[in-house]
C-alpha atoms as a PDB file:
ATOM      1  CA  MET A   1      10.070   6.574  41.982  1.00  0.00           C
ATOM      2  CA  PRO A   2       8.550   8.521  38.826  1.00  0.00           C
ATOM      3  CA  LEU A   3       8.476   6.419  36.003  1.00  0.00           C
ATOM      4  CA  LYS A   4      11.177   8.674  34.092  1.00  0.00           C
ATOM      5  CA  ARG A   5      13.750   7.875  36.580  1.00  0.00           C
ATOM      6  CA  ARG A   6      12.839   4.250  36.693  1.00  0.00           C
ATOM      7  CA  GLN A   7      13.541   3.896  33.043  1.00  0.00           C
ATOM      8  CA  ALA A   8      16.463   5.630  33.076  1.00  0.00           C
ATOM      9  CA  CYS A   9      18.025   3.356  35.553  1.00  0.00           C
ATOM     10  CA  ARG A  10      16.561   0.168  35.236  1.00  0.00           C
ATOM     11  CA  TRP A  11      16.642  -3.158  33.688  1.00  0.00           C
ATOM     12  CA  THR A  12      13.907  -4.860  35.147  1.00  0.00           C
ATOM     13  CA  VAL A  13      11.979  -8.628  33.657  1.00  0.00           C
ATOM     14  CA  VAL A  14       9.583 -10.348  35.045  1.00  0.00           C
ATOM     15  CA  ALA A  15       8.736 -13.792  33.813  1.00  0.00           C
ATOM     16  CA  ILE A  16       5.551 -15.236  35.155  1.00  0.00           C
ATOM     17  CA  SER A  17       4.257 -18.483  34.653  1.00  0.00           C
ATOM     18  CA  GLY A  18       1.795 -21.328  35.800  1.00  0.00           C
ATOM     19  CA  PRO A  19      -0.551 -24.014  34.905  1.00  0.00           C
ATOM     20  CA  PRO A  20      -3.956 -22.996  33.840  1.00  0.00           C
ATOM     21  CA  ALA A  21      -6.169 -21.093  35.801  1.00  0.00           C
ATOM     22  CA  VAL A  22      -3.663 -20.044  38.389  1.00  0.00           C
ATOM     23  CA  GLY A  23      -4.130 -16.775  37.875  1.00  0.00           C
ATOM     24  CA  THR A  24      -1.045 -15.492  36.278  1.00  0.00           C
ATOM     25  CA  THR A  25      -2.637 -12.851  34.004  1.00  0.00           C
ATOM     26  CA  SER A  26      -4.362 -11.120  37.116  1.00  0.00           C
ATOM     27  CA  VAL A  27      -0.847 -11.215  39.442  1.00  0.00           C
ATOM     28  CA  ALA A  28       1.268  -9.861  35.673  1.00  0.00           C
ATOM     29  CA  LYS A  29      -1.085  -6.749  35.283  1.00  0.00           C
ATOM     30  CA  LEU A  30      -0.849  -5.807  39.160  1.00  0.00           C
ATOM     31  CA  VAL A  31       2.959  -6.218  39.323  1.00  0.00           C
ATOM     32  CA  ALA A  32       3.719  -4.315  36.279  1.00  0.00           C
ATOM     33  CA  LYS A  33       0.943  -1.713  37.892  1.00  0.00           C
ATOM     34  CA  ARG A  34       2.913  -1.575  40.914  1.00  0.00           C
ATOM     35  CA  LEU A  35       6.518  -1.485  39.313  1.00  0.00           C
ATOM     36  CA  HIS A  36       5.409   0.827  36.654  1.00  0.00           C
ATOM     37  CA  LEU A  37       6.494  -1.490  34.160  1.00  0.00           C
ATOM     38  CA  PRO A  38       4.730  -2.507  30.463  1.00  0.00           C
ATOM     39  CA  LEU A  39       3.043  -5.739  30.673  1.00  0.00           C
ATOM     40  CA  LEU A  40       3.033  -8.548  27.728  1.00  0.00           C
ATOM     41  CA  VAL A  41       0.302 -11.162  28.170  1.00  0.00           C
ATOM     42  CA  VAL A  42       1.407 -14.013  25.345  1.00  0.00           C
ATOM     43  CA  GLY A  43      -1.660 -15.983  26.007  1.00  0.00           C
ATOM     44  CA  ARG A  44      -4.273 -13.153  24.918  1.00  0.00           C
ATOM     45  CA  LEU A  45      -2.974 -13.818  21.571  1.00  0.00           C
ATOM     46  CA  GLN A  46      -3.990 -17.354  21.616  1.00  0.00           C
ATOM     47  CA  LYS A  47      -7.382 -16.484  23.160  1.00  0.00           C
ATOM     48  CA  LYS A  48      -8.480 -14.161  20.538  1.00  0.00           C
ATOM     49  CA  LEU A  49      -8.958 -16.952  18.508  1.00  0.00           C
ATOM     50  CA  VAL A  50     -12.039 -17.537  19.944  1.00  0.00           C
ATOM     51  CA  ARG A  51     -15.148 -15.407  20.565  1.00  0.00           C
ATOM     52  CA  THR A  52     -16.013 -16.201  23.910  1.00  0.00           C
ATOM     53  CA  ARG A  53     -15.946 -14.385  27.619  1.00  0.00           C
ATOM     54  CA  ASN A  54     -15.466 -17.222  29.316  1.00  0.00           C
ATOM     55  CA  GLU A  55     -11.396 -17.356  29.937  1.00  0.00           C
ATOM     56  CA  SER A  56     -11.046 -20.847  30.865  1.00  0.00           C
ATOM     57  CA  ARG A  57     -13.029 -22.536  27.495  1.00  0.00           C
ATOM     58  CA  ALA A  58     -11.529 -19.505  25.406  1.00  0.00           C
ATOM     59  CA  ALA A  59      -7.678 -21.088  26.260  1.00  0.00           C
ATOM     60  CA  LEU A  60      -9.004 -24.366  25.938  1.00  0.00           C
ATOM     61  CA  LEU A  61     -10.745 -23.969  22.580  1.00  0.00           C
ATOM     62  CA  SER A  62      -8.341 -21.768  20.978  1.00  0.00           C
ATOM     63  CA  TRP A  63      -6.114 -25.317  21.120  1.00  0.00           C
ATOM     64  CA  ARG A  64      -8.672 -26.317  18.808  1.00  0.00           C
ATOM     65  CA  THR A  65      -8.231 -24.222  16.035  1.00  0.00           C
ATOM     66  CA  ARG A  66      -5.947 -25.032  13.542  1.00  0.00           C
ATOM     67  CA  TYR A  67      -3.290 -22.472  14.934  1.00  0.00           C
ATOM     68  CA  GLY A  68      -3.996 -23.667  18.345  1.00  0.00           C
ATOM     69  CA  SER A  69      -1.420 -26.749  17.658  1.00  0.00           C
ATOM     70  CA  ASP A  70       0.798 -24.728  14.666  1.00  0.00           C
ATOM     71  CA  ARG A  71       4.050 -25.397  15.565  1.00  0.00           C
ATOM     72  CA  ARG A  72       5.244 -22.151  13.299  1.00  0.00           C
ATOM     73  CA  THR A  73       2.789 -19.776  15.251  1.00  0.00           C
ATOM     74  CA  HIS A  74       4.000 -21.032  18.736  1.00  0.00           C
ATOM     75  CA  MET A  75       7.473 -20.224  18.218  1.00  0.00           C
ATOM     76  CA  GLU A  76       7.020 -17.365  16.450  1.00  0.00           C
ATOM     77  CA  ARG A  77       5.212 -15.923  19.860  1.00  0.00           C
ATOM     78  CA  ASP A  78       7.591 -17.772  22.232  1.00  0.00           C
ATOM     79  CA  LEU A  79      10.310 -15.251  19.770  1.00  0.00           C
ATOM     80  CA  MET A  80       8.155 -12.421  20.465  1.00  0.00           C
ATOM     81  CA  GLN A  81       8.274 -12.760  24.393  1.00  0.00           C
ATOM     82  CA  VAL A  82      12.117 -13.255  23.949  1.00  0.00           C
ATOM     83  CA  GLU A  83      12.722 -10.117  21.682  1.00  0.00           C
ATOM     84  CA  ARG A  84      10.618  -8.074  23.697  1.00  0.00           C
ATOM     85  CA  ALA A  85      12.431  -9.110  27.105  1.00  0.00           C
ATOM     86  CA  GLY A  86      15.841  -8.057  25.366  1.00  0.00           C
ATOM     87  CA  ARG A  87      14.600  -4.553  25.478  1.00  0.00           C
ATOM     88  CA  GLY A  88      14.395  -4.713  29.095  1.00  0.00           C
ATOM     89  CA  ASP A  89      11.675  -3.211  31.419  1.00  0.00           C
ATOM     90  CA  VAL A  90       8.608  -5.340  31.301  1.00  0.00           C
ATOM     91  CA  VAL A  91       6.424  -8.071  33.081  1.00  0.00           C
ATOM     92  CA  ILE A  92       5.500 -11.317  30.726  1.00  0.00           C
ATOM     93  CA  CYS A  93       2.869 -13.626  30.920  1.00  0.00           C
ATOM     94  CA  SER A  94       3.422 -16.679  28.982  1.00  0.00           C
ATOM     95  CA  LYS A  95       3.062 -20.756  29.999  1.00  0.00           C
ATOM     96  CA  LEU A  96       6.590 -20.906  28.496  1.00  0.00           C
ATOM     97  CA  ALA A  97       8.482 -17.435  29.805  1.00  0.00           C
ATOM     98  CA  LEU A  98      10.248 -19.152  32.411  1.00  0.00           C
ATOM     99  CA  HIS A  99      12.295 -21.450  29.963  1.00  0.00           C
ATOM    100  CA  PHE A 100      12.567 -18.784  27.111  1.00  0.00           C
ATOM    101  CA  LEU A 101      13.772 -16.320  29.749  1.00  0.00           C
ATOM    102  CA  LYS A 102      15.559 -18.478  31.625  1.00  0.00           C
ATOM    103  CA  LYS A 103      19.128 -16.261  30.676  1.00  0.00           C
ATOM    104  CA  ILE A 104      17.613 -12.924  30.557  1.00  0.00           C
ATOM    105  CA  THR A 105      15.848 -12.317  34.052  1.00  0.00           C
ATOM    106  CA  PRO A 106      16.617 -13.340  37.667  1.00  0.00           C
ATOM    107  CA  TYR A 107      12.989 -12.756  38.368  1.00  0.00           C
ATOM    108  CA  LYS A 108      11.134 -15.934  37.148  1.00  0.00           C
ATOM    109  CA  ILE A 109       8.225 -16.436  38.983  1.00  0.00           C
ATOM    110  CA  TRP A 110       6.276 -20.029  39.236  1.00  0.00           C
ATOM    111  CA  LEU A 111       2.729 -19.411  40.452  1.00  0.00           C
ATOM    112  CA  THR A 112       0.560 -22.983  41.807  1.00  0.00           C
ATOM    113  CA  ALA A 113      -2.304 -24.210  43.316  1.00  0.00           C
ATOM    114  CA  PRO A 114      -3.964 -26.961  43.506  1.00  0.00           C
ATOM    115  CA  LEU A 115      -6.284 -28.324  40.233  1.00  0.00           C
ATOM    116  CA  ARG A 116      -9.471 -28.023  42.626  1.00  0.00           C
ATOM    117  CA  VAL A 117      -8.760 -24.419  43.935  1.00  0.00           C
ATOM    118  CA  ARG A 118      -8.069 -23.151  40.015  1.00  0.00           C
ATOM    119  CA  ALA A 119     -10.837 -24.788  39.070  1.00  0.00           C
ATOM    120  CA  GLU A 120     -13.223 -22.934  41.935  1.00  0.00           C
ATOM    121  CA  ARG A 121     -11.527 -19.317  41.206  1.00  0.00           C
ATOM    122  CA  ALA A 122     -12.092 -19.747  37.627  1.00  0.00           C
ATOM    123  CA  ALA A 123     -15.756 -20.796  37.984  1.00  0.00           C
ATOM    124  CA  GLU A 124     -16.595 -17.962  40.321  1.00  0.00           C
ATOM    125  CA  ARG A 125     -14.291 -15.294  37.273  1.00  0.00           C
ATOM    126  CA  ASP A 126     -16.384 -17.061  34.491  1.00  0.00           C
ATOM    127  CA  GLY A 127     -20.011 -17.285  36.570  1.00  0.00           C
ATOM    128  CA  THR A 128     -19.941 -21.129  35.429  1.00  0.00           C
ATOM    129  CA  GLY A 129     -20.298 -24.204  37.532  1.00  0.00           C
ATOM    130  CA  VAL A 130     -16.693 -25.673  39.357  1.00  0.00           C
ATOM    131  CA  ARG A 131     -17.458 -29.362  37.958  1.00  0.00           C
ATOM    132  CA  GLU A 132     -17.122 -27.740  34.243  1.00  0.00           C
ATOM    133  CA  THR A 133     -14.850 -25.777  34.558  1.00  0.00           C
ATOM    134  CA  LEU A 134     -12.856 -28.124  36.697  1.00  0.00           C
ATOM    135  CA  LYS A 135     -13.087 -30.427  33.228  1.00  0.00           C
ATOM    136  CA  GLU A 136     -12.126 -27.820  31.217  1.00  0.00           C
ATOM    137  CA  ILE A 137      -8.917 -26.784  33.011  1.00  0.00           C
ATOM    138  CA  SER A 138      -8.136 -30.527  33.525  1.00  0.00           C
ATOM    139  CA  GLU A 139      -8.090 -30.714  29.520  1.00  0.00           C
ATOM    140  CA  ARG A 140      -6.504 -27.779  28.446  1.00  0.00           C
ATOM    141  CA  GLN A 141      -3.627 -28.580  30.981  1.00  0.00           C
ATOM    142  CA  ALA A 142      -3.399 -31.892  29.352  1.00  0.00           C
ATOM    143  CA  ILE A 143      -3.446 -30.572  26.220  1.00  0.00           C
ATOM    144  CA  GLU A 144      -0.803 -27.969  26.714  1.00  0.00           C
ATOM    145  CA  ARG A 145       1.880 -30.697  28.432  1.00  0.00           C
ATOM    146  CA  ARG A 146       1.092 -32.698  25.243  1.00  0.00           C
ATOM    147  CA  GLU A 147       1.668 -30.070  22.637  1.00  0.00           C
ATOM    148  CA  TRP A 148       4.660 -28.152  24.446  1.00  0.00           C
ATOM    149  CA  LYS A 149       6.537 -31.230  24.614  1.00  0.00           C
ATOM    150  CA  ARG A 150       5.432 -32.532  21.366  1.00  0.00           C
ATOM    151  CA  ILE A 151       6.869 -28.633  20.088  1.00  0.00           C
ATOM    152  CA  TYR A 152       9.946 -28.059  22.298  1.00  0.00           C
ATOM    153  CA  GLY A 153      10.215 -31.511  24.006  1.00  0.00           C
ATOM    154  CA  PHE A 154       9.717 -31.128  27.486  1.00  0.00           C
ATOM    155  CA  ASP A 155       6.854 -30.609  29.699  1.00  0.00           C
ATOM    156  CA  TYR A 156       6.385 -26.827  30.741  1.00  0.00           C
ATOM    157  CA  PHE A 157       5.651 -27.756  34.289  1.00  0.00           C
ATOM    158  CA  GLN A 158       9.317 -28.644  34.845  1.00  0.00           C
ATOM    159  CA  GLN A 159       9.402 -24.408  34.783  1.00  0.00           C
ATOM    160  CA  ARG A 160       8.864 -24.715  38.204  1.00  0.00           C
ATOM    161  CA  ARG A 161      12.424 -26.109  39.084  1.00  0.00           C
ATOM    162  CA  ILE A 162      14.125 -23.219  37.098  1.00  0.00           C
ATOM    163  CA  ALA A 163      12.048 -20.446  38.930  1.00  0.00           C
ATOM    164  CA  ASP A 164      13.707 -17.831  41.423  1.00  0.00           C
ATOM    165  CA  LEU A 165      10.540 -17.855  43.228  1.00  0.00           C
ATOM    166  CA  VAL A 166       7.878 -20.328  43.339  1.00  0.00           C
ATOM    167  CA  ILE A 167       4.705 -19.133  45.211  1.00  0.00           C
ATOM    168  CA  ASP A 168       1.491 -21.409  46.027  1.00  0.00           C
ATOM    169  CA  SER A 169      -1.037 -18.853  45.797  1.00  0.00           C
ATOM    170  CA  SER A 170      -3.760 -21.188  47.104  1.00  0.00           C
ATOM    171  CA  LYS A 171      -4.127 -19.771  50.587  1.00  0.00           C
ATOM    172  CA  LEU A 172      -3.178 -16.128  49.188  1.00  0.00           C
ATOM    173  CA  THR A 173      -5.196 -13.256  48.399  1.00  0.00           C
ATOM    174  CA  LEU A 174      -4.367 -11.615  44.973  1.00  0.00           C
ATOM    175  CA  LYS A 175      -2.984  -8.850  46.590  1.00  0.00           C
ATOM    176  CA  GLN A 176      -0.770 -11.065  48.816  1.00  0.00           C
ATOM    177  CA  THR A 177       0.664 -13.114  46.078  1.00  0.00           C
ATOM    178  CA  VAL A 178       1.212  -9.800  44.240  1.00  0.00           C
ATOM    179  CA  ASP A 179       2.785  -8.293  47.551  1.00  0.00           C
ATOM    180  CA  LYS A 180       5.271 -11.157  47.693  1.00  0.00           C
ATOM    181  CA  ILE A 181       6.502 -10.815  43.669  1.00  0.00           C
ATOM    182  CA  VAL A 182       7.051  -7.016  44.056  1.00  0.00           C
ATOM    183  CA  LYS A 183       9.291  -7.634  47.201  1.00  0.00           C
ATOM    184  CA  PHE A 184      11.195 -10.012  45.636  1.00  0.00           C
ATOM    185  CA  VAL A 185      11.906  -7.791  42.752  1.00  0.00           C
ATOM    186  CA  ARG A 186      12.705  -4.859  44.763  1.00  0.00           C
ATOM    187  CA  ALA A 187      15.009  -6.875  46.830  1.00  0.00           C
ATOM    188  CA  GLY A 188      17.044  -8.120  43.790  1.00  0.00           C
ATOM    189  CA  GLU A 189      17.241  -4.734  42.423  1.00  0.00           C
ATOM    190  CA  LYS A 190      18.498  -3.091  45.414  1.00  0.00           C
ATOM    191  CA  SER A 191      20.982  -5.896  45.551  1.00  0.00           C
ATOM    192  CA  ARG A 192      22.084  -4.864  41.870  1.00  0.00           C
ATOM    193  CA  HIS A 193      22.928  -1.051  42.504  1.00  0.00           C
ATOM    194  CA  TYR A 194      25.348   0.130  44.861  1.00  0.00           C
END
């Protein structure tokens, strides 16, 4: 379907979230491309606070900056994603997307995979050792859970419970994961149109 026609007849907001290094950004990029929708990756803003090509380390180091645990900074970013979702037609990749967009979209996707699998994939992507990457991801995950519980009063892993679709990507390729999401979204769109 051409982009102009899609924009004229749709209100599609896809929220993608999951634990650190599960591949939410990679998946969201391809989902947005396949659905011809713009993409908002909220975590990019935080990772830009530090200078490193290693994505896992960038996320961890950003939490150690003064903005990393600043309540106001996080709330502004989260309000930004709600505002963007309110305009429709977007894929949003954010650690808290399911929570903040729960009343806006029926396409809340939670990606999951065991910690070891996530560490192996991130180590391969970043060209680092698995043991080092496993330690960084574990530390980041602990910080995120603690800080967001402090800021918002809930464990962000609980978002899995409100997901419309949960995908364990540990035995799936990137393409297979994206295919499942696109199929889910397109099936939902068909059921909404007469």
